Amino acid sequence: MLGGEKELLIELLKAFVSGERLDGAKLERLASLPDRTEAAKYVHFYKGAARQLAAQKLSASGQALEDVLRGRKAGDIAALSKAFLADYDEAFEAIEGSLAVL
């Protein structure tokens, strides 16, 4: 997706770990509102970052959660949120670890 631009990838990885962290409490609060538009936008932001970084597991769990929040599909928001948060933590740790060895 980045056309072999290693330096760009490194910058994107650094931005991912130095940017605003995904906040489970914020996601829960937004998802509990009658209008889940802001929750969907919040998930979309992190899902989009995951796609840019080829973090496929995080991207997939984000898409599943976003689809339910937007009413495109039925699903258990609490369970999907838990999976998304776990995938985020896993991706974050992997990216942080890979940057530490550069």
PDB file of N, CA and C in Angstrom:
ATOM      1  N   MET A   1       0.813  -1.199   0.000  1.00  0.00           N
ATOM      2  CA  MET A   1       0.000   0.000   0.000  1.00  0.00           C
ATOM      3  C   MET A   1       0.856   1.263   0.000  1.00  0.00           C
ATOM      4  N   LEU A   2       2.071   1.144   0.465  1.00  0.00           N
ATOM      5  CA  LEU A   2       2.929   2.322   0.560  1.00  0.00           C
ATOM      6  C   LEU A   2       3.966   2.377  -0.550  1.00  0.00           C
ATOM      7  N   GLY A   3       3.865   1.487  -1.501  1.00  0.00           N
ATOM      8  CA  GLY A   3       4.776   1.511  -2.637  1.00  0.00           C
ATOM      9  C   GLY A   3       6.225   1.255  -2.268  1.00  0.00           C
ATOM     10  N   GLY A   4       6.452   0.454  -1.248  1.00  0.00           N
ATOM     11  CA  GLY A   4       7.809   0.124  -0.847  1.00  0.00           C
ATOM     12  C   GLY A   4       8.542   1.222  -0.098  1.00  0.00           C
ATOM     13  N   GLU A   5       7.852   2.240   0.327  1.00  0.00           N
ATOM     14  CA  GLU A   5       8.459   3.370   1.041  1.00  0.00           C
ATOM     15  C   GLU A   5       8.677   3.017   2.514  1.00  0.00           C
ATOM     16  N   LYS A   6       9.842   2.485   2.811  1.00  0.00           N
ATOM     17  CA  LYS A   6      10.155   2.034   4.168  1.00  0.00           C
ATOM     18  C   LYS A   6      10.100   3.181   5.177  1.00  0.00           C
ATOM     19  N   GLU A   7      10.634   4.317   4.818  1.00  0.00           N
ATOM     20  CA  GLU A   7      10.644   5.461   5.747  1.00  0.00           C
ATOM     21  C   GLU A   7       9.222   5.945   6.063  1.00  0.00           C
ATOM     22  N   LEU A   8       8.358   5.918   5.066  1.00  0.00           N
ATOM     23  CA  LEU A   8       6.965   6.302   5.299  1.00  0.00           C
ATOM     24  C   LEU A   8       6.300   5.324   6.254  1.00  0.00           C
ATOM     25  N   LEU A   9       6.562   4.037   6.059  1.00  0.00           N
ATOM     26  CA  LEU A   9       6.009   3.029   6.960  1.00  0.00           C
ATOM     27  C   LEU A   9       6.488   3.272   8.390  1.00  0.00           C
ATOM     28  N   ILE A  10       7.747   3.548   8.560  1.00  0.00           N
ATOM     29  CA  ILE A  10       8.291   3.804   9.903  1.00  0.00           C
ATOM     30  C   ILE A  10       7.614   5.018  10.520  1.00  0.00           C
ATOM     31  N   GLU A  11       7.405   6.057   9.736  1.00  0.00           N
ATOM     32  CA  GLU A  11       6.730   7.252  10.258  1.00  0.00           C
ATOM     33  C   GLU A  11       5.285   6.955  10.665  1.00  0.00           C
ATOM     34  N   LEU A  12       4.594   6.153   9.867  1.00  0.00           N
ATOM     35  CA  LEU A  12       3.224   5.774  10.204  1.00  0.00           C
ATOM     36  C   LEU A  12       3.181   4.922  11.471  1.00  0.00           C
ATOM     37  N   LEU A  13       4.131   4.020  11.607  1.00  0.00           N
ATOM     38  CA  LEU A  13       4.204   3.189  12.813  1.00  0.00           C
ATOM     39  C   LEU A  13       4.466   4.051  14.046  1.00  0.00           C
ATOM     40  N   LYS A  14       5.369   5.000  13.908  1.00  0.00           N
ATOM     41  CA  LYS A  14       5.669   5.905  15.023  1.00  0.00           C
ATOM     42  C   LYS A  14       4.445   6.739  15.385  1.00  0.00           C
ATOM     43  N   ALA A  15       3.727   7.207  14.385  1.00  0.00           N
ATOM     44  CA  ALA A  15       2.523   8.004  14.645  1.00  0.00           C
ATOM     45  C   ALA A  15       1.469   7.163  15.355  1.00  0.00           C
ATOM     46  N   PHE A  16       1.371   5.898  15.003  1.00  0.00           N
ATOM     47  CA  PHE A  16       0.387   5.014  15.629  1.00  0.00           C
ATOM     48  C   PHE A  16       0.660   4.873  17.128  1.00  0.00           C
ATOM     49  N   VAL A  17       1.915   4.669  17.504  1.00  0.00           N
ATOM     50  CA  VAL A  17       2.217   4.459  18.931  1.00  0.00           C
ATOM     51  C   VAL A  17       2.341   5.765  19.711  1.00  0.00           C
ATOM     52  N   SER A  18       2.573   6.881  19.035  1.00  0.00           N
ATOM     53  CA  SER A  18       2.706   8.144  19.763  1.00  0.00           C
ATOM     54  C   SER A  18       1.416   8.962  19.762  1.00  0.00           C
ATOM     55  N   GLY A  19       0.455   8.549  18.963  1.00  0.00           N
ATOM     56  CA  GLY A  19      -0.811   9.270  18.881  1.00  0.00           C
ATOM     57  C   GLY A  19      -1.737   8.930  20.038  1.00  0.00           C
ATOM     58  N   GLU A  20      -2.937   9.436  19.951  1.00  0.00           N
ATOM     59  CA  GLU A  20      -3.933   9.179  20.993  1.00  0.00           C
ATOM     60  C   GLU A  20      -4.268   7.694  21.021  1.00  0.00           C
ATOM     61  N   ARG A  21      -4.155   7.100  22.199  1.00  0.00           N
ATOM     62  CA  ARG A  21      -4.445   5.672  22.358  1.00  0.00           C
ATOM     63  C   ARG A  21      -5.949   5.436  22.317  1.00  0.00           C
ATOM     64  N   LEU A  22      -6.310   4.279  21.818  1.00  0.00           N
ATOM     65  CA  LEU A  22      -7.700   3.846  21.847  1.00  0.00           C
ATOM     66  C   LEU A  22      -8.110   3.691  23.306  1.00  0.00           C
ATOM     67  N   ASP A  23      -9.214   4.310  23.675  1.00  0.00           N
ATOM     68  CA  ASP A  23      -9.680   4.347  25.060  1.00  0.00           C
ATOM     69  C   ASP A  23     -10.952   3.510  25.180  1.00  0.00           C
ATOM     70  N   GLY A  24     -10.833   2.388  25.876  1.00  0.00           N
ATOM     71  CA  GLY A  24     -11.968   1.493  26.033  1.00  0.00           C
ATOM     72  C   GLY A  24     -13.151   2.141  26.729  1.00  0.00           C
ATOM     73  N   ALA A  25     -12.894   2.956  27.735  1.00  0.00           N
ATOM     74  CA  ALA A  25     -13.977   3.628  28.459  1.00  0.00           C
ATOM     75  C   ALA A  25     -14.694   4.615  27.543  1.00  0.00           C
ATOM     76  N   LYS A  26     -13.941   5.312  26.718  1.00  0.00           N
ATOM     77  CA  LYS A  26     -14.554   6.259  25.778  1.00  0.00           C
ATOM     78  C   LYS A  26     -15.405   5.508  24.759  1.00  0.00           C
ATOM     79  N   LEU A  27     -14.879   4.411  24.251  1.00  0.00           N
ATOM     80  CA  LEU A  27     -15.631   3.613  23.287  1.00  0.00           C
ATOM     81  C   LEU A  27     -16.924   3.106  23.919  1.00  0.00           C
ATOM     82  N   GLU A  28     -16.846   2.615  25.137  1.00  0.00           N
ATOM     83  CA  GLU A  28     -18.035   2.114  25.830  1.00  0.00           C
ATOM     84  C   GLU A  28     -19.070   3.224  26.020  1.00  0.00           C
ATOM     85  N   ARG A  29     -18.597   4.398  26.414  1.00  0.00           N
ATOM     86  CA  ARG A  29     -19.508   5.532  26.626  1.00  0.00           C
ATOM     87  C   ARG A  29     -20.188   5.930  25.316  1.00  0.00           C
ATOM     88  N   LEU A  30     -19.417   6.029  24.246  1.00  0.00           N
ATOM     89  CA  LEU A  30     -19.986   6.416  22.950  1.00  0.00           C
ATOM     90  C   LEU A  30     -20.954   5.352  22.428  1.00  0.00           C
ATOM     91  N   ALA A  31     -20.613   4.082  22.645  1.00  0.00           N
ATOM     92  CA  ALA A  31     -21.468   2.996  22.161  1.00  0.00           C
ATOM     93  C   ALA A  31     -22.770   2.893  22.950  1.00  0.00           C
ATOM     94  N   SER A  32     -22.785   3.448  24.150  1.00  0.00           N
ATOM     95  CA  SER A  32     -23.996   3.382  24.971  1.00  0.00           C
ATOM     96  C   SER A  32     -24.999   4.489  24.640  1.00  0.00           C
ATOM     97  N   LEU A  33     -24.590   5.450  23.832  1.00  0.00           N
ATOM     98  CA  LEU A  33     -25.492   6.534  23.449  1.00  0.00           C
ATOM     99  C   LEU A  33     -26.558   6.021  22.482  1.00  0.00           C
ATOM    100  N   PRO A  34     -27.738   6.621  22.506  1.00  0.00           N
ATOM    101  CA  PRO A  34     -28.782   6.198  21.561  1.00  0.00           C
ATOM    102  C   PRO A  34     -28.342   6.326  20.097  1.00  0.00           C
ATOM    103  N   ASP A  35     -27.611   7.384  19.782  1.00  0.00           N
ATOM    104  CA  ASP A  35     -27.062   7.583  18.446  1.00  0.00           C
ATOM    105  C   ASP A  35     -25.595   7.145  18.497  1.00  0.00           C
ATOM    106  N   ARG A  36     -25.293   6.075  17.820  1.00  0.00           N
ATOM    107  CA  ARG A  36     -23.940   5.493  17.891  1.00  0.00           C
ATOM    108  C   ARG A  36     -23.009   6.021  16.800  1.00  0.00           C
ATOM    109  N   THR A  37     -23.375   7.125  16.180  1.00  0.00           N
ATOM    110  CA  THR A  37     -22.567   7.682  15.104  1.00  0.00           C
ATOM    111  C   THR A  37     -21.159   8.023  15.567  1.00  0.00           C
ATOM    112  N   GLU A  38     -21.034   8.667  16.722  1.00  0.00           N
ATOM    113  CA  GLU A  38     -19.702   9.045  17.216  1.00  0.00           C
ATOM    114  C   GLU A  38     -18.878   7.814  17.572  1.00  0.00           C
ATOM    115  N   ALA A  39     -19.515   6.793  18.084  1.00  0.00           N
ATOM    116  CA  ALA A  39     -18.801   5.535  18.383  1.00  0.00           C
ATOM    117  C   ALA A  39     -18.274   4.928  17.088  1.00  0.00           C
ATOM    118  N   ALA A  40     -19.096   4.936  16.050  1.00  0.00           N
ATOM    119  CA  ALA A  40     -18.669   4.392  14.764  1.00  0.00           C
ATOM    120  C   ALA A  40     -17.505   5.192  14.190  1.00  0.00           C
ATOM    121  N   LYS A  41     -17.561   6.507  14.323  1.00  0.00           N
ATOM    122  CA  LYS A  41     -16.458   7.361  13.844  1.00  0.00           C
ATOM    123  C   LYS A  41     -15.177   7.077  14.617  1.00  0.00           C
ATOM    124  N   TYR A  42     -15.316   6.872  15.915  1.00  0.00           N
ATOM    125  CA  TYR A  42     -14.157   6.596  16.770  1.00  0.00           C
ATOM    126  C   TYR A  42     -13.486   5.287  16.343  1.00  0.00           C
ATOM    127  N   VAL A  43     -14.284   4.261  16.124  1.00  0.00           N
ATOM    128  CA  VAL A  43     -13.756   2.975  15.676  1.00  0.00           C
ATOM    129  C   VAL A  43     -13.158   3.115  14.278  1.00  0.00           C
ATOM    130  N   HIS A  44     -13.841   3.846  13.416  1.00  0.00           N
ATOM    131  CA  HIS A  44     -13.384   4.028  12.037  1.00  0.00           C
ATOM    132  C   HIS A  44     -11.970   4.623  11.975  1.00  0.00           C
ATOM    133  N   PHE A  45     -11.692   5.565  12.846  1.00  0.00           N
ATOM    134  CA  PHE A  45     -10.370   6.196  12.875  1.00  0.00           C
ATOM    135  C   PHE A  45      -9.273   5.147  13.099  1.00  0.00           C
ATOM    136  N   TYR A  46      -9.445   4.306  14.102  1.00  0.00           N
ATOM    137  CA  TYR A  46      -8.425   3.308  14.436  1.00  0.00           C
ATOM    138  C   TYR A  46      -8.411   2.165  13.430  1.00  0.00           C
ATOM    139  N   LYS A  47      -9.566   1.825  12.895  1.00  0.00           N
ATOM    140  CA  LYS A  47      -9.636   0.805  11.855  1.00  0.00           C
ATOM    141  C   LYS A  47      -8.883   1.280  10.617  1.00  0.00           C
ATOM    142  N   GLY A  48      -9.053   2.541  10.264  1.00  0.00           N
ATOM    143  CA  GLY A  48      -8.355   3.099   9.108  1.00  0.00           C
ATOM    144  C   GLY A  48      -6.846   3.088   9.286  1.00  0.00           C
ATOM    145  N   ALA A  49      -6.407   3.436  10.484  1.00  0.00           N
ATOM    146  CA  ALA A  49      -4.969   3.388  10.772  1.00  0.00           C
ATOM    147  C   ALA A  49      -4.455   1.961  10.644  1.00  0.00           C
ATOM    148  N   ALA A  50      -5.239   1.017  11.130  1.00  0.00           N
ATOM    149  CA  ALA A  50      -4.838  -0.390  11.048  1.00  0.00           C
ATOM    150  C   ALA A  50      -4.697  -0.832   9.595  1.00  0.00           C
ATOM    151  N   ARG A  51      -5.608  -0.393   8.763  1.00  0.00           N
ATOM    152  CA  ARG A  51      -5.532  -0.763   7.339  1.00  0.00           C
ATOM    153  C   ARG A  51      -4.270  -0.201   6.705  1.00  0.00           C
ATOM    154  N   GLN A  52      -3.923   1.031   7.028  1.00  0.00           N
ATOM    155  CA  GLN A  52      -2.721   1.641   6.467  1.00  0.00           C
ATOM    156  C   GLN A  52      -1.459   0.895   6.878  1.00  0.00           C
ATOM    157  N   LEU A  53      -1.506   0.283   8.055  1.00  0.00           N
ATOM    158  CA  LEU A  53      -0.341  -0.425   8.585  1.00  0.00           C
ATOM    159  C   LEU A  53      -0.384  -1.921   8.301  1.00  0.00           C
ATOM    160  N   ALA A  54      -1.409  -2.363   7.568  1.00  0.00           N
ATOM    161  CA  ALA A  54      -1.614  -3.779   7.259  1.00  0.00           C
ATOM    162  C   ALA A  54      -1.801  -4.616   8.523  1.00  0.00           C
ATOM    163  N   ALA A  55      -2.382  -4.014   9.541  1.00  0.00           N
ATOM    164  CA  ALA A  55      -2.722  -4.739  10.769  1.00  0.00           C
ATOM    165  C   ALA A  55      -4.094  -5.362  10.532  1.00  0.00           C
ATOM    166  N   GLN A  56      -4.089  -6.487   9.826  1.00  0.00           N
ATOM    167  CA  GLN A  56      -5.315  -7.069   9.308  1.00  0.00           C
ATOM    168  C   GLN A  56      -6.285  -7.522  10.397  1.00  0.00           C
ATOM    169  N   LYS A  57      -5.770  -8.086  11.458  1.00  0.00           N
ATOM    170  CA  LYS A  57      -6.645  -8.559  12.539  1.00  0.00           C
ATOM    171  C   LYS A  57      -7.385  -7.384  13.176  1.00  0.00           C
ATOM    172  N   LEU A  58      -6.670  -6.310  13.459  1.00  0.00           N
ATOM    173  CA  LEU A  58      -7.278  -5.115  14.040  1.00  0.00           C
ATOM    174  C   LEU A  58      -8.252  -4.479  13.053  1.00  0.00           C
ATOM    175  N   SER A  59      -7.893  -4.434  11.818  1.00  0.00           N
ATOM    176  CA  SER A  59      -8.767  -3.873  10.793  1.00  0.00           C
ATOM    177  C   SER A  59     -10.068  -4.668  10.697  1.00  0.00           C
ATOM    178  N   ALA A  60      -9.973  -5.978  10.727  1.00  0.00           N
ATOM    179  CA  ALA A  60     -11.162  -6.828  10.611  1.00  0.00           C
ATOM    180  C   ALA A  60     -12.084  -6.685  11.812  1.00  0.00           C
ATOM    181  N   SER A  61     -11.506  -6.674  13.009  1.00  0.00           N
ATOM    182  CA  SER A  61     -12.359  -6.543  14.198  1.00  0.00           C
ATOM    183  C   SER A  61     -12.970  -5.142  14.262  1.00  0.00           C
ATOM    184  N   GLY A  62     -12.241  -4.153  13.796  1.00  0.00           N
ATOM    185  CA  GLY A  62     -12.779  -2.796  13.730  1.00  0.00           C
ATOM    186  C   GLY A  62     -13.920  -2.689  12.742  1.00  0.00           C
ATOM    187  N   GLN A  63     -13.773  -3.341  11.599  1.00  0.00           N
ATOM    188  CA  GLN A  63     -14.836  -3.316  10.593  1.00  0.00           C
ATOM    189  C   GLN A  63     -16.087  -3.999  11.117  1.00  0.00           C
ATOM    190  N   ALA A  64     -15.915  -5.122  11.794  1.00  0.00           N
ATOM    191  CA  ALA A  64     -17.070  -5.838  12.348  1.00  0.00           C
ATOM    192  C   ALA A  64     -17.808  -4.971  13.364  1.00  0.00           C
ATOM    193  N   LEU A  65     -17.055  -4.310  14.233  1.00  0.00           N
ATOM    194  CA  LEU A  65     -17.668  -3.445  15.242  1.00  0.00           C
ATOM    195  C   LEU A  65     -18.315  -2.230  14.589  1.00  0.00           C
ATOM    196  N   GLU A  66     -17.634  -1.618  13.660  1.00  0.00           N
ATOM    197  CA  GLU A  66     -18.190  -0.444  12.996  1.00  0.00           C
ATOM    198  C   GLU A  66     -19.485  -0.785  12.269  1.00  0.00           C
ATOM    199  N   ASP A  67     -19.534  -1.935  11.618  1.00  0.00           N
ATOM    200  CA  ASP A  67     -20.748  -2.341  10.911  1.00  0.00           C
ATOM    201  C   ASP A  67     -21.945  -2.445  11.857  1.00  0.00           C
ATOM    202  N   VAL A  68     -21.720  -2.967  13.051  1.00  0.00           N
ATOM    203  CA  VAL A  68     -22.806  -3.084  14.024  1.00  0.00           C
ATOM    204  C   VAL A  68     -23.181  -1.701  14.561  1.00  0.00           C
ATOM    205  N   LEU A  69     -22.188  -0.887  14.867  1.00  0.00           N
ATOM    206  CA  LEU A  69     -22.471   0.458  15.380  1.00  0.00           C
ATOM    207  C   LEU A  69     -23.244   1.294  14.370  1.00  0.00           C
ATOM    208  N   ARG A  70     -22.988   1.097  13.086  1.00  0.00           N
ATOM    209  CA  ARG A  70     -23.684   1.851  12.038  1.00  0.00           C
ATOM    210  C   ARG A  70     -25.019   1.215  11.660  1.00  0.00           C
ATOM    211  N   GLY A  71     -25.337   0.074  12.274  1.00  0.00           N
ATOM    212  CA  GLY A  71     -26.605  -0.591  11.998  1.00  0.00           C
ATOM    213  C   GLY A  71     -26.627  -1.380  10.706  1.00  0.00           C
ATOM    214  N   ARG A  72     -25.469  -1.635  10.120  1.00  0.00           N
ATOM    215  CA  ARG A  72     -25.396  -2.398   8.873  1.00  0.00           C
ATOM    216  C   ARG A  72     -25.582  -3.890   9.119  1.00  0.00           C
ATOM    217  N   LYS A  73     -25.192  -4.325  10.315  1.00  0.00           N
ATOM    218  CA  LYS A  73     -25.286  -5.736  10.687  1.00  0.00           C
ATOM    219  C   LYS A  73     -25.709  -5.822  12.143  1.00  0.00           C
ATOM    220  N   ALA A  74     -26.237  -6.974  12.506  1.00  0.00           N
ATOM    221  CA  ALA A  74     -26.567  -7.233  13.907  1.00  0.00           C
ATOM    222  C   ALA A  74     -25.352  -7.850  14.582  1.00  0.00           C
ATOM    223  N   GLY A  75     -25.217  -7.591  15.873  1.00  0.00           N
ATOM    224  CA  GLY A  75     -24.101  -8.174  16.596  1.00  0.00           C
ATOM    225  C   GLY A  75     -24.059  -7.689  18.023  1.00  0.00           C
ATOM    226  N   ASP A  76     -23.214  -8.319  18.798  1.00  0.00           N
ATOM    227  CA  ASP A  76     -23.036  -8.020  20.212  1.00  0.00           C
ATOM    228  C   ASP A  76     -21.944  -6.950  20.346  1.00  0.00           C
ATOM    229  N   ILE A  77     -22.358  -5.730  20.590  1.00  0.00           N
ATOM    230  CA  ILE A  77     -21.412  -4.615  20.653  1.00  0.00           C
ATOM    231  C   ILE A  77     -20.368  -4.827  21.744  1.00  0.00           C
ATOM    232  N   ALA A  78     -20.783  -5.315  22.892  1.00  0.00           N
ATOM    233  CA  ALA A  78     -19.835  -5.525  23.992  1.00  0.00           C
ATOM    234  C   ALA A  78     -18.760  -6.544  23.596  1.00  0.00           C
ATOM    235  N   ALA A  79     -19.160  -7.644  23.001  1.00  0.00           N
ATOM    236  CA  ALA A  79     -18.199  -8.676  22.601  1.00  0.00           C
ATOM    237  C   ALA A  79     -17.292  -8.177  21.473  1.00  0.00           C
ATOM    238  N   LEU A  80     -17.873  -7.477  20.518  1.00  0.00           N
ATOM    239  CA  LEU A  80     -17.075  -6.949  19.412  1.00  0.00           C
ATOM    240  C   LEU A  80     -16.106  -5.873  19.902  1.00  0.00           C
ATOM    241  N   SER A  81     -16.539  -5.054  20.843  1.00  0.00           N
ATOM    242  CA  SER A  81     -15.661  -4.029  21.422  1.00  0.00           C
ATOM    243  C   SER A  81     -14.500  -4.675  22.159  1.00  0.00           C
ATOM    244  N   LYS A  82     -14.794  -5.724  22.914  1.00  0.00           N
ATOM    245  CA  LYS A  82     -13.743  -6.435  23.656  1.00  0.00           C
ATOM    246  C   LYS A  82     -12.695  -7.000  22.693  1.00  0.00           C
ATOM    247  N   ALA A  83     -13.160  -7.604  21.595  1.00  0.00           N
ATOM    248  CA  ALA A  83     -12.232  -8.147  20.600  1.00  0.00           C
ATOM    249  C   ALA A  83     -11.413  -7.042  19.947  1.00  0.00           C
ATOM    250  N   PHE A  84     -12.059  -5.940  19.610  1.00  0.00           N
ATOM    251  CA  PHE A  84     -11.377  -4.811  18.985  1.00  0.00           C
ATOM    252  C   PHE A  84     -10.304  -4.239  19.907  1.00  0.00           C
ATOM    253  N   LEU A  85     -10.642  -4.067  21.173  1.00  0.00           N
ATOM    254  CA  LEU A  85      -9.671  -3.544  22.142  1.00  0.00           C
ATOM    255  C   LEU A  85      -8.503  -4.501  22.321  1.00  0.00           C
ATOM    256  N   ALA A  86      -8.769  -5.799  22.366  1.00  0.00           N
ATOM    257  CA  ALA A  86      -7.694  -6.784  22.501  1.00  0.00           C
ATOM    258  C   ALA A  86      -6.792  -6.770  21.271  1.00  0.00           C
ATOM    259  N   ASP A  87      -7.396  -6.669  20.091  1.00  0.00           N
ATOM    260  CA  ASP A  87      -6.608  -6.618  18.858  1.00  0.00           C
ATOM    261  C   ASP A  87      -5.782  -5.338  18.787  1.00  0.00           C
ATOM    262  N   TYR A  88      -6.347  -4.245  19.270  1.00  0.00           N
ATOM    263  CA  TYR A  88      -5.610  -2.982  19.309  1.00  0.00           C
ATOM    264  C   TYR A  88      -4.381  -3.128  20.211  1.00  0.00           C
ATOM    265  N   ASP A  89      -4.583  -3.664  21.404  1.00  0.00           N
ATOM    266  CA  ASP A  89      -3.463  -3.842  22.334  1.00  0.00           C
ATOM    267  C   ASP A  89      -2.380  -4.733  21.732  1.00  0.00           C
ATOM    268  N   GLU A  90      -2.801  -5.788  21.068  1.00  0.00           N
ATOM    269  CA  GLU A  90      -1.851  -6.706  20.433  1.00  0.00           C
ATOM    270  C   GLU A  90      -1.061  -5.990  19.341  1.00  0.00           C
ATOM    271  N   ALA A  91      -1.754  -5.249  18.497  1.00  0.00           N
ATOM    272  CA  ALA A  91      -1.083  -4.521  17.417  1.00  0.00           C
ATOM    273  C   ALA A  91      -0.154  -3.454  17.981  1.00  0.00           C
ATOM    274  N   PHE A  92      -0.641  -2.727  18.989  1.00  0.00           N
ATOM    275  CA  PHE A  92       0.166  -1.676  19.598  1.00  0.00           C
ATOM    276  C   PHE A  92       1.477  -2.242  20.143  1.00  0.00           C
ATOM    277  N   GLU A  93       1.377  -3.336  20.878  1.00  0.00           N
ATOM    278  CA  GLU A  93       2.580  -3.954  21.456  1.00  0.00           C
ATOM    279  C   GLU A  93       3.529  -4.450  20.371  1.00  0.00           C
ATOM    280  N   ALA A  94       2.990  -5.048  19.304  1.00  0.00           N
ATOM    281  CA  ALA A  94       3.832  -5.538  18.225  1.00  0.00           C
ATOM    282  C   ALA A  94       4.539  -4.390  17.511  1.00  0.00           C
ATOM    283  N   ILE A  95       3.816  -3.319  17.261  1.00  0.00           N
ATOM    284  CA  ILE A  95       4.407  -2.163  16.579  1.00  0.00           C
ATOM    285  C   ILE A  95       5.449  -1.494  17.466  1.00  0.00           C
ATOM    286  N   GLU A  96       5.111  -1.305  18.725  1.00  0.00           N
ATOM    287  CA  GLU A  96       6.047  -0.690  19.674  1.00  0.00           C
ATOM    288  C   GLU A  96       7.319  -1.537  19.770  1.00  0.00           C
ATOM    289  N   GLY A  97       7.151  -2.848  19.816  1.00  0.00           N
ATOM    290  CA  GLY A  97       8.317  -3.743  19.881  1.00  0.00           C
ATOM    291  C   GLY A  97       9.166  -3.684  18.640  1.00  0.00           C
ATOM    292  N   SER A  98       8.532  -3.605  17.488  1.00  0.00           N
ATOM    293  CA  SER A  98       9.309  -3.556  16.244  1.00  0.00           C
ATOM    294  C   SER A  98      10.050  -2.239  16.120  1.00  0.00           C
ATOM    295  N   LEU A  99       9.475  -1.168  16.603  1.00  0.00           N
ATOM    296  CA  LEU A  99      10.157   0.128  16.545  1.00  0.00           C
ATOM    297  C   LEU A  99      11.353   0.170  17.498  1.00  0.00           C
ATOM    298  N   ALA A 100      11.262  -0.563  18.580  1.00  0.00           N
ATOM    299  CA  ALA A 100      12.344  -0.572  19.563  1.00  0.00           C
ATOM    300  C   ALA A 100      13.629  -1.188  19.020  1.00  0.00           C
ATOM    301  N   VAL A 101      13.499  -2.056  18.034  1.00  0.00           N
ATOM    302  CA  VAL A 101      14.686  -2.718  17.475  1.00  0.00           C
ATOM    303  C   VAL A 101      15.223  -2.021  16.236  1.00  0.00           C
ATOM    304  N   LEU A 102      14.571  -0.958  15.809  1.00  0.00           N
ATOM    305  CA  LEU A 102      15.059  -0.229  14.617  1.00  0.00           C
ATOM    306  C   LEU A 102      16.223   0.676  14.966  1.00  0.00           C
TER     307      LEU A 102
END
